[in-house]
N, C-alpha and C. Protein backbone atom coordinates (compact mmCIF):
# COMPACT_ATOMS: atom_id res chain seq x y z
N MET A 1 41.82 -58.74 88.67
CA MET A 1 42.18 -58.36 87.32
C MET A 1 43.68 -58.49 87.17
N SER A 2 44.20 -58.62 85.94
CA SER A 2 45.62 -58.87 85.73
C SER A 2 46.11 -58.09 84.51
N ARG A 3 47.44 -57.88 84.47
CA ARG A 3 48.13 -57.27 83.32
C ARG A 3 49.18 -58.27 82.87
N ALA A 4 49.10 -58.75 81.63
CA ALA A 4 49.99 -59.80 81.16
C ALA A 4 50.44 -59.52 79.74
N GLY A 5 51.61 -60.10 79.35
CA GLY A 5 52.11 -60.00 77.99
C GLY A 5 52.73 -58.66 77.66
N CYS A 6 53.06 -57.87 78.67
CA CYS A 6 53.62 -56.54 78.43
C CYS A 6 55.14 -56.57 78.58
N THR A 7 55.86 -55.78 77.79
CA THR A 7 57.32 -55.72 77.85
C THR A 7 57.82 -54.46 78.55
N LYS A 8 56.95 -53.48 78.71
CA LYS A 8 57.35 -52.23 79.33
C LYS A 8 56.58 -52.02 80.63
N GLU A 9 57.25 -51.35 81.55
CA GLU A 9 56.59 -51.01 82.80
C GLU A 9 55.62 -49.85 82.58
N ALA A 10 54.60 -49.81 83.42
CA ALA A 10 53.63 -48.72 83.36
C ALA A 10 53.11 -48.44 84.76
N ARG A 11 52.74 -47.21 84.99
CA ARG A 11 52.14 -46.87 86.28
C ARG A 11 50.64 -47.12 86.21
N LEU A 12 50.14 -47.91 87.15
CA LEU A 12 48.71 -48.19 87.25
C LEU A 12 48.13 -47.39 88.40
N ARG A 13 47.04 -46.70 88.14
CA ARG A 13 46.29 -46.02 89.20
C ARG A 13 45.08 -46.88 89.53
N ILE A 14 44.99 -47.27 90.80
CA ILE A 14 43.94 -48.18 91.27
C ILE A 14 42.94 -47.40 92.10
N ARG A 15 41.66 -47.60 91.83
CA ARG A 15 40.61 -46.95 92.61
C ARG A 15 39.57 -47.99 93.01
N ILE A 16 39.21 -48.00 94.30
CA ILE A 16 38.07 -48.78 94.78
C ILE A 16 36.88 -47.83 94.83
N LYS A 17 35.79 -48.22 94.15
CA LYS A 17 34.62 -47.34 94.05
C LYS A 17 33.39 -48.02 94.64
N LYS A 18 32.49 -47.20 95.14
CA LYS A 18 31.21 -47.67 95.65
C LYS A 18 30.10 -47.23 94.71
N SER A 19 29.24 -48.18 94.33
CA SER A 19 28.11 -47.86 93.45
C SER A 19 27.05 -47.12 94.25
N VAL A 20 26.72 -45.91 93.82
CA VAL A 20 25.70 -45.09 94.48
C VAL A 20 24.88 -44.41 93.40
N LEU A 21 23.77 -43.76 93.82
CA LEU A 21 23.01 -42.95 92.89
C LEU A 21 23.86 -41.77 92.45
N GLY A 22 23.90 -41.50 91.15
CA GLY A 22 24.75 -40.44 90.64
C GLY A 22 26.16 -40.98 90.40
N PRO A 23 27.17 -40.10 90.32
CA PRO A 23 28.55 -40.55 90.09
C PRO A 23 29.02 -41.46 91.22
N ASP A 24 29.62 -42.60 90.87
CA ASP A 24 30.12 -43.53 91.88
C ASP A 24 31.24 -42.88 92.68
N ARG A 25 31.30 -43.20 93.97
CA ARG A 25 32.23 -42.54 94.89
C ARG A 25 33.51 -43.35 95.05
N VAL A 26 34.67 -42.69 94.95
CA VAL A 26 35.96 -43.34 95.19
C VAL A 26 36.18 -43.41 96.70
N VAL A 27 36.36 -44.63 97.24
CA VAL A 27 36.57 -44.79 98.67
C VAL A 27 38.03 -45.02 99.02
N LYS A 28 38.85 -45.45 98.02
CA LYS A 28 40.27 -45.64 98.26
C LYS A 28 40.99 -45.63 96.92
N SER A 29 42.20 -45.06 96.88
CA SER A 29 42.95 -45.03 95.63
C SER A 29 44.44 -45.14 95.91
N GLY A 30 45.19 -45.52 94.88
CA GLY A 30 46.64 -45.64 95.01
C GLY A 30 47.23 -45.93 93.64
N SER A 31 48.56 -46.00 93.56
CA SER A 31 49.21 -46.30 92.28
C SER A 31 50.52 -47.02 92.53
N ARG A 32 50.99 -47.75 91.50
CA ARG A 32 52.30 -48.37 91.56
C ARG A 32 52.76 -48.68 90.14
N ILE A 33 54.07 -48.84 89.95
CA ILE A 33 54.64 -49.16 88.65
C ILE A 33 54.78 -50.68 88.53
N VAL A 34 54.21 -51.26 87.45
CA VAL A 34 54.26 -52.71 87.25
C VAL A 34 54.54 -52.99 85.78
N ARG A 35 54.94 -54.25 85.51
CA ARG A 35 55.05 -54.70 84.13
C ARG A 35 53.93 -55.70 83.86
N ASN A 36 54.01 -56.87 84.46
CA ASN A 36 52.95 -57.87 84.39
C ASN A 36 52.60 -58.25 85.82
N ALA A 37 51.34 -58.24 86.15
CA ALA A 37 50.95 -58.51 87.54
C ALA A 37 49.48 -58.87 87.60
N ARG A 38 49.13 -59.55 88.69
CA ARG A 38 47.72 -59.80 89.01
C ARG A 38 47.36 -58.91 90.18
N LEU A 39 46.24 -58.22 90.05
CA LEU A 39 45.84 -57.22 91.05
C LEU A 39 44.77 -57.78 91.96
N THR A 40 45.03 -57.68 93.27
CA THR A 40 44.03 -58.01 94.28
C THR A 40 43.89 -56.80 95.18
N THR A 41 42.67 -56.31 95.38
CA THR A 41 42.46 -55.12 96.20
C THR A 41 41.78 -55.49 97.50
N THR A 42 42.20 -54.82 98.57
CA THR A 42 41.57 -54.98 99.87
C THR A 42 41.46 -53.61 100.50
N SER A 43 40.58 -53.50 101.48
CA SER A 43 40.44 -52.24 102.21
C SER A 43 40.40 -52.54 103.69
N THR A 44 41.17 -51.76 104.47
CA THR A 44 41.19 -51.93 105.92
C THR A 44 40.30 -50.91 106.61
N ALA A 45 39.50 -50.21 105.83
CA ALA A 45 38.59 -49.20 106.41
C ALA A 45 37.48 -49.89 107.19
N ASN A 46 36.79 -49.12 108.03
CA ASN A 46 35.66 -49.67 108.76
C ASN A 46 34.64 -50.25 107.80
N CYS A 47 34.05 -51.37 108.19
CA CYS A 47 33.11 -52.06 107.30
C CYS A 47 31.92 -51.15 106.99
N ALA A 48 31.60 -51.07 105.71
CA ALA A 48 30.43 -50.30 105.27
C ALA A 48 29.71 -51.12 104.21
N PRO A 49 28.43 -51.39 104.40
CA PRO A 49 27.71 -52.21 103.42
C PRO A 49 27.54 -51.46 102.11
N GLY A 50 27.43 -52.21 101.02
CA GLY A 50 27.21 -51.61 99.72
C GLY A 50 27.80 -52.45 98.62
N VAL A 51 27.76 -51.93 97.40
CA VAL A 51 28.30 -52.61 96.22
C VAL A 51 29.57 -51.87 95.79
N PHE A 52 30.68 -52.61 95.65
CA PHE A 52 31.98 -52.01 95.36
C PHE A 52 32.61 -52.68 94.14
N TYR A 53 33.50 -51.96 93.47
CA TYR A 53 34.29 -52.52 92.38
C TYR A 53 35.59 -51.74 92.26
N THR A 54 36.53 -52.26 91.46
CA THR A 54 37.85 -51.66 91.33
C THR A 54 38.12 -51.30 89.87
N THR A 55 38.74 -50.14 89.65
CA THR A 55 39.20 -49.77 88.30
C THR A 55 40.72 -49.62 88.32
N ALA A 56 41.36 -50.00 87.21
CA ALA A 56 42.80 -49.83 87.05
C ALA A 56 43.04 -49.08 85.74
N THR A 57 43.74 -47.96 85.81
CA THR A 57 44.01 -47.13 84.63
C THR A 57 45.51 -46.98 84.46
N ASP A 58 46.02 -47.30 83.24
CA ASP A 58 47.46 -47.15 83.01
C ASP A 58 47.76 -45.78 82.42
N SER A 59 49.05 -45.51 82.20
CA SER A 59 49.47 -44.18 81.75
C SER A 59 49.01 -43.85 80.34
N ALA A 60 48.60 -44.90 79.58
CA ALA A 60 48.09 -44.67 78.23
C ALA A 60 46.59 -44.43 78.22
N GLY A 61 45.98 -44.50 79.40
CA GLY A 61 44.54 -44.26 79.50
C GLY A 61 43.69 -45.50 79.36
N HIS A 62 44.31 -46.69 79.28
CA HIS A 62 43.54 -47.92 79.22
C HIS A 62 42.94 -48.21 80.59
N VAL A 63 41.68 -48.63 80.61
CA VAL A 63 40.97 -48.85 81.86
C VAL A 63 40.47 -50.29 81.92
N ALA A 64 40.69 -50.94 83.07
CA ALA A 64 40.13 -52.27 83.34
C ALA A 64 39.22 -52.14 84.56
N VAL A 65 38.08 -52.80 84.53
CA VAL A 65 37.09 -52.72 85.60
C VAL A 65 36.82 -54.12 86.12
N SER A 66 36.86 -54.29 87.45
CA SER A 66 36.60 -55.59 88.06
C SER A 66 35.10 -55.85 88.12
N ARG A 67 34.74 -57.07 88.45
CA ARG A 67 33.33 -57.36 88.71
C ARG A 67 32.92 -56.70 90.02
N LYS A 68 31.63 -56.42 90.15
CA LYS A 68 31.12 -55.77 91.35
C LYS A 68 30.85 -56.81 92.43
N VAL A 69 31.10 -56.45 93.68
CA VAL A 69 30.83 -57.33 94.81
C VAL A 69 30.01 -56.58 95.84
N ARG A 70 29.11 -57.30 96.50
CA ARG A 70 28.29 -56.71 97.57
C ARG A 70 28.92 -57.03 98.92
N VAL A 71 29.11 -56.01 99.74
CA VAL A 71 29.70 -56.16 101.06
C VAL A 71 28.59 -56.09 102.10
N ARG A 72 28.55 -57.10 102.95
CA ARG A 72 27.62 -57.09 104.09
C ARG A 72 28.45 -57.11 105.37
N CYS A 73 28.07 -56.30 106.32
CA CYS A 73 28.85 -56.17 107.54
C CYS A 73 28.21 -56.93 108.69
N PRO A 74 29.01 -57.48 109.61
CA PRO A 74 28.44 -58.18 110.77
C PRO A 74 27.70 -57.21 111.68
N ALA A 75 26.75 -57.75 112.40
CA ALA A 75 25.98 -56.93 113.33
C ALA A 75 26.88 -56.35 114.40
N ALA A 76 26.60 -55.14 114.80
CA ALA A 76 27.39 -54.50 115.86
C ALA A 76 27.23 -55.27 117.16
N PRO A 77 28.31 -55.43 117.95
CA PRO A 77 28.21 -56.21 119.18
C PRO A 77 27.32 -55.57 120.24
N LYS A 78 27.20 -54.24 120.18
CA LYS A 78 26.36 -53.55 121.15
C LYS A 78 25.33 -52.71 120.41
N PRO A 79 24.20 -53.30 120.02
CA PRO A 79 23.21 -52.54 119.26
C PRO A 79 22.66 -51.38 120.06
N THR A 80 22.36 -50.33 119.35
CA THR A 80 21.80 -49.14 119.98
C THR A 80 20.37 -49.40 120.43
N PRO A 81 20.07 -49.19 121.71
CA PRO A 81 18.68 -49.41 122.15
C PRO A 81 17.73 -48.42 121.50
N THR A 82 16.55 -48.89 121.20
CA THR A 82 15.53 -48.03 120.60
C THR A 82 14.85 -47.20 121.69
N PRO A 83 14.81 -45.88 121.55
CA PRO A 83 14.13 -45.05 122.55
C PRO A 83 12.66 -45.41 122.67
N THR A 84 12.16 -45.30 123.88
CA THR A 84 10.75 -45.57 124.10
C THR A 84 9.93 -44.38 123.63
N PRO A 85 8.99 -44.58 122.71
CA PRO A 85 8.22 -43.45 122.18
C PRO A 85 7.29 -42.86 123.23
N THR A 86 7.09 -41.56 123.12
CA THR A 86 6.13 -40.88 123.97
C THR A 86 4.77 -40.91 123.31
N GLU A 87 3.79 -41.46 123.99
CA GLU A 87 2.48 -41.59 123.38
C GLU A 87 1.75 -40.25 123.36
N ASN A 88 0.95 -40.09 122.33
CA ASN A 88 0.19 -38.85 122.15
C ASN A 88 -1.17 -39.22 121.57
N PRO A 89 -2.09 -39.72 122.41
CA PRO A 89 -3.34 -40.29 121.91
C PRO A 89 -4.14 -39.36 121.03
N GLY A 90 -4.04 -38.06 121.24
CA GLY A 90 -4.92 -37.17 120.50
C GLY A 90 -4.37 -36.64 119.20
N ALA A 91 -3.14 -37.06 118.82
CA ALA A 91 -2.56 -36.50 117.60
C ALA A 91 -3.40 -36.86 116.40
N GLY A 92 -3.61 -35.90 115.49
CA GLY A 92 -4.57 -36.10 114.41
C GLY A 92 -4.00 -36.79 113.22
N GLY A 93 -4.86 -36.95 112.20
CA GLY A 93 -4.44 -37.51 110.95
C GLY A 93 -4.04 -38.94 111.02
N GLY A 94 -4.86 -39.81 111.59
CA GLY A 94 -4.54 -41.22 111.66
C GLY A 94 -3.86 -41.61 112.96
N GLY A 95 -3.82 -40.71 113.95
CA GLY A 95 -3.20 -41.03 115.22
C GLY A 95 -3.96 -42.12 115.96
N THR A 96 -3.22 -43.05 116.58
CA THR A 96 -3.83 -44.15 117.33
C THR A 96 -3.18 -44.29 118.69
N GLY A 97 -2.69 -43.19 119.27
CA GLY A 97 -1.96 -43.29 120.52
C GLY A 97 -0.52 -43.69 120.30
N VAL A 98 -0.04 -43.63 119.08
CA VAL A 98 1.33 -44.02 118.73
C VAL A 98 2.14 -42.78 118.41
N GLY A 99 3.37 -42.68 118.94
CA GLY A 99 4.29 -41.63 118.53
C GLY A 99 4.16 -40.33 119.30
N THR A 100 5.06 -39.41 118.98
CA THR A 100 5.11 -38.10 119.61
C THR A 100 4.29 -37.09 118.81
N ALA A 101 4.18 -35.89 119.35
CA ALA A 101 3.40 -34.86 118.67
C ALA A 101 3.98 -34.52 117.30
N ILE A 102 5.31 -34.39 117.21
CA ILE A 102 5.91 -34.01 115.93
C ILE A 102 5.81 -35.15 114.92
N GLU A 103 5.89 -36.39 115.40
CA GLU A 103 5.72 -37.53 114.49
C GLU A 103 4.29 -37.60 113.96
N ASN A 104 3.34 -37.35 114.83
CA ASN A 104 1.95 -37.38 114.39
C ASN A 104 1.59 -36.18 113.52
N GLU A 105 2.35 -35.09 113.65
CA GLU A 105 2.15 -33.96 112.74
C GLU A 105 2.58 -34.36 111.32
N VAL A 106 3.65 -35.15 111.22
CA VAL A 106 4.06 -35.67 109.91
C VAL A 106 2.97 -36.57 109.34
N VAL A 107 2.37 -37.41 110.19
CA VAL A 107 1.27 -38.26 109.73
C VAL A 107 0.11 -37.40 109.23
N ARG A 108 -0.22 -36.34 109.99
CA ARG A 108 -1.34 -35.48 109.60
C ARG A 108 -1.06 -34.81 108.25
N LEU A 109 0.14 -34.28 108.09
CA LEU A 109 0.49 -33.61 106.83
C LEU A 109 0.55 -34.60 105.67
N THR A 110 1.02 -35.81 105.95
CA THR A 110 1.03 -36.87 104.92
C THR A 110 -0.38 -37.17 104.46
N ASN A 111 -1.29 -37.31 105.41
CA ASN A 111 -2.68 -37.62 105.05
C ASN A 111 -3.36 -36.45 104.34
N ALA A 112 -2.95 -35.23 104.65
CA ALA A 112 -3.50 -34.08 103.94
C ALA A 112 -3.09 -34.11 102.46
N GLU A 113 -1.85 -34.48 102.19
CA GLU A 113 -1.39 -34.60 100.80
C GLU A 113 -2.08 -35.76 100.10
N ARG A 114 -2.28 -36.85 100.81
CA ARG A 114 -2.96 -38.01 100.23
C ARG A 114 -4.41 -37.69 99.88
N ALA A 115 -5.05 -36.89 100.73
CA ALA A 115 -6.45 -36.53 100.47
C ALA A 115 -6.57 -35.75 99.16
N LYS A 116 -5.58 -34.88 98.89
CA LYS A 116 -5.60 -34.12 97.63
C LYS A 116 -5.52 -35.04 96.42
N ALA A 117 -4.86 -36.20 96.60
CA ALA A 117 -4.67 -37.14 95.49
C ALA A 117 -5.75 -38.22 95.47
N GLY A 118 -6.72 -38.12 96.39
CA GLY A 118 -7.80 -39.09 96.42
C GLY A 118 -7.46 -40.38 97.14
N CYS A 119 -6.38 -40.39 97.93
CA CYS A 119 -5.99 -41.58 98.69
C CYS A 119 -6.60 -41.54 100.09
N LYS A 120 -6.85 -42.71 100.65
CA LYS A 120 -7.38 -42.81 102.00
C LYS A 120 -6.27 -42.47 103.00
N PRO A 121 -6.65 -42.01 104.22
CA PRO A 121 -5.64 -41.66 105.22
C PRO A 121 -4.91 -42.89 105.75
N LEU A 122 -3.68 -42.69 106.16
CA LEU A 122 -2.87 -43.75 106.76
C LEU A 122 -3.06 -43.75 108.27
N VAL A 123 -3.02 -44.94 108.87
CA VAL A 123 -3.10 -45.09 110.32
C VAL A 123 -1.69 -45.25 110.86
N HIS A 124 -1.38 -44.52 111.94
CA HIS A 124 -0.06 -44.64 112.57
C HIS A 124 0.00 -45.96 113.32
N GLU A 125 0.78 -46.90 112.79
CA GLU A 125 0.81 -48.28 113.28
C GLU A 125 2.04 -48.49 114.17
N ALA A 126 1.84 -49.16 115.32
CA ALA A 126 2.88 -49.24 116.35
C ALA A 126 4.15 -49.94 115.88
N ARG A 127 4.03 -51.04 115.13
CA ARG A 127 5.23 -51.76 114.70
C ARG A 127 5.99 -51.00 113.62
N LEU A 128 5.27 -50.36 112.71
CA LEU A 128 5.94 -49.51 111.73
C LEU A 128 6.62 -48.32 112.40
N HIS A 129 5.97 -47.79 113.44
CA HIS A 129 6.59 -46.70 114.20
C HIS A 129 7.87 -47.17 114.87
N LYS A 130 7.84 -48.38 115.42
CA LYS A 130 9.03 -48.93 116.08
C LYS A 130 10.19 -49.06 115.09
N ALA A 131 9.89 -49.55 113.89
CA ALA A 131 10.93 -49.70 112.86
C ALA A 131 11.48 -48.35 112.44
N ALA A 132 10.59 -47.38 112.23
CA ALA A 132 11.01 -46.05 111.77
C ALA A 132 11.83 -45.33 112.84
N LEU A 133 11.35 -45.36 114.07
CA LEU A 133 12.06 -44.68 115.16
C LEU A 133 13.40 -45.35 115.41
N GLY A 134 13.43 -46.68 115.34
CA GLY A 134 14.69 -47.39 115.54
C GLY A 134 15.73 -47.00 114.51
N HIS A 135 15.30 -46.82 113.25
CA HIS A 135 16.27 -46.47 112.20
C HIS A 135 16.75 -45.03 112.37
N SER A 136 15.85 -44.11 112.70
CA SER A 136 16.27 -42.73 112.96
C SER A 136 17.25 -42.67 114.12
N ALA A 137 16.97 -43.44 115.18
CA ALA A 137 17.85 -43.45 116.35
C ALA A 137 19.21 -44.05 116.00
N ASP A 138 19.23 -45.08 115.16
CA ASP A 138 20.48 -45.73 114.77
C ASP A 138 21.32 -44.78 113.92
N MET A 139 20.69 -44.09 112.95
CA MET A 139 21.43 -43.13 112.14
C MET A 139 22.01 -42.01 113.00
N SER A 140 21.22 -41.56 113.99
CA SER A 140 21.68 -40.50 114.87
C SER A 140 22.87 -40.95 115.71
N ALA A 141 22.77 -42.15 116.29
CA ALA A 141 23.82 -42.65 117.18
C ALA A 141 25.11 -42.96 116.45
N LYS A 142 25.00 -43.43 115.19
CA LYS A 142 26.18 -43.89 114.45
C LYS A 142 26.61 -42.92 113.35
N ASN A 143 25.92 -41.79 113.26
CA ASN A 143 26.32 -40.70 112.36
C ASN A 143 26.42 -41.16 110.90
N TYR A 144 25.32 -41.69 110.37
CA TYR A 144 25.27 -42.02 108.95
C TYR A 144 23.88 -41.70 108.44
N PHE A 145 23.70 -41.76 107.11
CA PHE A 145 22.41 -41.46 106.51
C PHE A 145 22.23 -42.38 105.31
N ASP A 146 21.41 -43.41 105.48
CA ASP A 146 21.25 -44.42 104.42
C ASP A 146 20.02 -45.26 104.74
N HIS A 147 19.38 -45.80 103.69
CA HIS A 147 18.28 -46.74 103.91
C HIS A 147 18.78 -48.05 104.50
N ASP A 148 20.03 -48.43 104.20
CA ASP A 148 20.61 -49.64 104.75
C ASP A 148 21.29 -49.33 106.07
N SER A 149 20.97 -50.12 107.11
CA SER A 149 21.66 -49.98 108.39
C SER A 149 23.11 -50.40 108.23
N GLN A 150 23.96 -50.00 109.17
CA GLN A 150 25.37 -50.35 109.08
C GLN A 150 25.63 -51.82 109.33
N ASP A 151 24.63 -52.55 109.84
CA ASP A 151 24.77 -54.01 109.97
C ASP A 151 24.32 -54.73 108.70
N GLY A 152 23.99 -53.97 107.65
CA GLY A 152 23.63 -54.56 106.37
C GLY A 152 22.14 -54.76 106.16
N ARG A 153 21.31 -54.49 107.16
CA ARG A 153 19.87 -54.70 107.01
C ARG A 153 19.23 -53.59 106.19
N GLY A 154 18.25 -53.97 105.37
CA GLY A 154 17.43 -53.01 104.67
C GLY A 154 16.17 -52.70 105.46
N PHE A 155 15.35 -51.77 104.95
CA PHE A 155 14.14 -51.41 105.70
C PHE A 155 13.17 -52.58 105.79
N ASP A 156 13.18 -53.49 104.80
CA ASP A 156 12.31 -54.66 104.89
C ASP A 156 12.72 -55.56 106.04
N ASP A 157 14.03 -55.71 106.27
CA ASP A 157 14.51 -56.52 107.40
C ASP A 157 14.10 -55.89 108.72
N ARG A 158 14.23 -54.57 108.83
CA ARG A 158 13.90 -53.90 110.09
C ARG A 158 12.40 -54.00 110.38
N ILE A 159 11.59 -53.87 109.33
CA ILE A 159 10.13 -53.96 109.53
C ILE A 159 9.72 -55.37 109.90
N LYS A 160 10.30 -56.37 109.23
CA LYS A 160 10.00 -57.77 109.58
C LYS A 160 10.36 -58.07 111.03
N ALA A 161 11.46 -57.48 111.51
CA ALA A 161 11.93 -57.75 112.87
C ALA A 161 10.95 -57.29 113.93
N THR A 162 10.05 -56.36 113.59
CA THR A 162 9.05 -55.91 114.56
C THR A 162 7.85 -56.84 114.62
N GLY A 163 7.79 -57.83 113.70
CA GLY A 163 6.64 -58.73 113.65
C GLY A 163 5.55 -58.28 112.72
N TYR A 164 5.81 -57.22 111.94
CA TYR A 164 4.80 -56.70 111.02
C TYR A 164 4.79 -57.53 109.74
N SER A 165 3.64 -58.09 109.39
CA SER A 165 3.47 -58.85 108.15
C SER A 165 2.88 -57.93 107.10
N PHE A 166 3.42 -57.96 105.88
CA PHE A 166 3.01 -56.98 104.88
C PHE A 166 2.92 -57.60 103.51
N SER A 167 2.09 -56.96 102.68
CA SER A 167 2.05 -57.30 101.26
C SER A 167 2.84 -56.28 100.44
N SER A 168 3.00 -55.06 100.97
CA SER A 168 3.83 -54.05 100.32
C SER A 168 4.32 -53.06 101.37
N ILE A 169 5.54 -52.54 101.16
CA ILE A 169 6.13 -51.57 102.09
C ILE A 169 6.98 -50.56 101.31
N GLY A 170 7.27 -49.44 101.94
CA GLY A 170 8.16 -48.44 101.37
C GLY A 170 8.77 -47.62 102.49
N GLU A 171 9.78 -46.82 102.17
CA GLU A 171 10.44 -46.01 103.19
C GLU A 171 10.93 -44.69 102.62
N ASN A 172 10.75 -43.62 103.38
CA ASN A 172 11.36 -42.32 103.14
C ASN A 172 12.25 -41.97 104.32
N ILE A 173 13.41 -41.37 104.06
CA ILE A 173 14.25 -40.84 105.13
C ILE A 173 14.67 -39.41 104.77
N ALA A 174 15.02 -38.65 105.79
CA ALA A 174 15.49 -37.28 105.58
C ALA A 174 16.36 -36.88 106.76
N GLN A 175 17.19 -35.86 106.54
CA GLN A 175 18.09 -35.37 107.59
C GLN A 175 18.21 -33.86 107.49
N GLY A 176 18.12 -33.20 108.64
CA GLY A 176 18.43 -31.78 108.71
C GLY A 176 17.24 -30.84 108.80
N GLN A 177 16.06 -31.30 108.39
CA GLN A 177 14.89 -30.42 108.43
C GLN A 177 14.44 -30.24 109.89
N ARG A 178 14.10 -29.02 110.25
CA ARG A 178 13.81 -28.72 111.66
C ARG A 178 12.35 -28.93 112.04
N THR A 179 11.45 -28.93 111.07
CA THR A 179 10.03 -29.02 111.39
C THR A 179 9.36 -30.07 110.52
N ALA A 180 8.17 -30.49 110.97
CA ALA A 180 7.38 -31.44 110.17
C ALA A 180 7.03 -30.82 108.82
N GLU A 181 6.72 -29.54 108.81
CA GLU A 181 6.35 -28.87 107.56
C GLU A 181 7.51 -28.86 106.57
N SER A 182 8.72 -28.60 107.06
CA SER A 182 9.86 -28.52 106.14
C SER A 182 10.25 -29.88 105.59
N VAL A 183 10.18 -30.92 106.41
CA VAL A 183 10.53 -32.25 105.89
C VAL A 183 9.49 -32.72 104.88
N MET A 184 8.22 -32.41 105.13
CA MET A 184 7.18 -32.80 104.17
C MET A 184 7.35 -32.03 102.86
N LYS A 185 7.73 -30.76 102.95
CA LYS A 185 7.95 -29.97 101.73
C LYS A 185 9.06 -30.59 100.88
N ASP A 186 10.15 -31.00 101.54
CA ASP A 186 11.26 -31.60 100.80
C ASP A 186 10.87 -32.95 100.21
N TRP A 187 10.16 -33.77 100.97
CA TRP A 187 9.73 -35.07 100.44
C TRP A 187 8.79 -34.90 99.25
N MET A 188 7.86 -33.96 99.36
CA MET A 188 6.91 -33.77 98.26
C MET A 188 7.59 -33.18 97.03
N GLY A 189 8.74 -32.55 97.21
CA GLY A 189 9.48 -32.02 96.08
C GLY A 189 10.41 -33.03 95.42
N SER A 190 10.45 -34.24 95.97
CA SER A 190 11.30 -35.30 95.42
C SER A 190 10.41 -36.39 94.83
N PRO A 191 10.54 -36.70 93.54
CA PRO A 191 9.62 -37.64 92.88
C PRO A 191 9.50 -38.99 93.58
N GLY A 192 10.62 -39.58 94.00
CA GLY A 192 10.57 -40.89 94.64
C GLY A 192 9.88 -40.86 95.98
N HIS A 193 10.17 -39.85 96.79
CA HIS A 193 9.54 -39.73 98.10
C HIS A 193 8.05 -39.40 97.95
N ARG A 194 7.74 -38.52 97.01
CA ARG A 194 6.35 -38.15 96.75
C ARG A 194 5.53 -39.38 96.34
N GLN A 195 6.16 -40.25 95.54
CA GLN A 195 5.46 -41.46 95.09
C GLN A 195 5.07 -42.34 96.27
N ASN A 196 5.95 -42.47 97.26
CA ASN A 196 5.61 -43.24 98.45
C ASN A 196 4.45 -42.61 99.21
N ILE A 197 4.51 -41.29 99.39
CA ILE A 197 3.48 -40.59 100.16
C ILE A 197 2.11 -40.71 99.49
N LEU A 198 2.09 -40.66 98.16
CA LEU A 198 0.82 -40.67 97.42
C LEU A 198 0.48 -42.05 96.85
N ASN A 199 1.09 -43.09 97.40
CA ASN A 199 0.77 -44.46 96.98
C ASN A 199 -0.51 -44.89 97.70
N CYS A 200 -1.61 -44.95 96.97
CA CYS A 200 -2.90 -45.27 97.58
C CYS A 200 -2.99 -46.72 98.05
N ASP A 201 -2.02 -47.54 97.68
CA ASP A 201 -2.02 -48.94 98.12
C ASP A 201 -1.70 -49.06 99.60
N TYR A 202 -0.92 -48.12 100.14
CA TYR A 202 -0.54 -48.19 101.55
C TYR A 202 -1.73 -47.80 102.44
N THR A 203 -1.82 -48.47 103.58
CA THR A 203 -2.90 -48.19 104.53
C THR A 203 -2.38 -47.78 105.91
N GLN A 204 -1.09 -48.01 106.17
CA GLN A 204 -0.53 -47.73 107.49
C GLN A 204 0.83 -47.06 107.34
N ILE A 205 1.26 -46.42 108.42
CA ILE A 205 2.53 -45.68 108.40
C ILE A 205 3.15 -45.71 109.79
N GLY A 206 4.47 -45.59 109.83
CA GLY A 206 5.20 -45.34 111.06
C GLY A 206 6.16 -44.20 110.82
N VAL A 207 6.19 -43.23 111.72
CA VAL A 207 7.10 -42.08 111.59
C VAL A 207 8.02 -42.06 112.80
N GLY A 208 9.33 -41.96 112.54
CA GLY A 208 10.31 -41.88 113.61
C GLY A 208 11.15 -40.63 113.50
N TYR A 209 11.20 -39.83 114.56
CA TYR A 209 11.94 -38.56 114.58
C TYR A 209 12.94 -38.58 115.73
N VAL A 210 14.20 -38.28 115.44
CA VAL A 210 15.24 -38.13 116.46
C VAL A 210 16.00 -36.84 116.17
N ALA A 211 16.08 -35.96 117.15
CA ALA A 211 16.67 -34.64 116.93
C ALA A 211 18.19 -34.65 116.89
N ALA A 212 18.83 -35.47 117.73
CA ALA A 212 20.28 -35.42 117.91
C ALA A 212 21.04 -35.67 116.61
N GLY A 213 21.91 -34.71 116.26
CA GLY A 213 22.78 -34.89 115.10
C GLY A 213 22.12 -34.71 113.77
N GLY A 214 20.83 -34.40 113.75
CA GLY A 214 20.11 -34.32 112.48
C GLY A 214 19.39 -33.00 112.30
N PRO A 215 18.08 -32.99 112.59
CA PRO A 215 17.29 -34.15 112.99
C PRO A 215 17.23 -35.24 111.91
N TYR A 216 16.90 -36.47 112.34
CA TYR A 216 16.70 -37.59 111.43
C TYR A 216 15.21 -37.95 111.40
N TRP A 217 14.71 -38.17 110.19
CA TRP A 217 13.30 -38.50 109.98
C TRP A 217 13.19 -39.80 109.17
N THR A 218 12.28 -40.67 109.58
CA THR A 218 12.00 -41.89 108.81
C THR A 218 10.50 -42.08 108.71
N GLN A 219 10.01 -42.35 107.51
CA GLN A 219 8.64 -42.79 107.28
C GLN A 219 8.69 -44.22 106.75
N ASP A 220 8.02 -45.14 107.44
CA ASP A 220 7.85 -46.50 106.93
C ASP A 220 6.38 -46.71 106.58
N PHE A 221 6.11 -47.07 105.34
CA PHE A 221 4.76 -47.28 104.84
C PHE A 221 4.49 -48.78 104.71
N GLY A 222 3.24 -49.18 104.92
CA GLY A 222 2.93 -50.60 104.77
C GLY A 222 1.47 -50.87 104.48
N ARG A 223 1.25 -52.05 103.94
CA ARG A 223 -0.08 -52.60 103.77
C ARG A 223 -0.02 -54.06 104.21
N PRO A 224 -0.80 -54.46 105.22
CA PRO A 224 -0.76 -55.85 105.70
C PRO A 224 -1.14 -56.84 104.60
């Protein structure tokens, strides 16, 4: 963006913002006195994927907004290894020998809610479990909370990487809840998360739980 044709100096306040749900977040700001100038913004902060734009506001309250750009970050040189899941063959509610007891309790509670809505139960599928557990482990290890991994991948990319072929998929994530019951209560109280849980089109699920730093919870839903 540029300021041209002006005869007087003015102080410009520059803000780099990230587009998010709700009010957009300011990630960097500064100001300087200029008369006529072309503005180019850069950030030396650690790479974070997302959509960003810049605003410039002068002392008279005039605002200029740049076009939005999407930032994708390179893959980390040392990816976090995915923990090996502990099998629990007898876990109920769609258990198939996949996942831990607490993960299968989430599956059971999910299927209980689906039954109330007339949906068929979900089967705990190994590749969806791998994708879900891998994302929970990555959020735990790198201390972030987002559907997009810090290498720029979305949940569709992570699910594809396991070899799972799908006609439809969805994802729920959560942080901080201590029990399967509490995380399900919070998901069911959120319209978007509830919609995934009660989507009768889905036939399979993967649940990933990692306690460290969270706990972190991920549900990946799919239909082959």
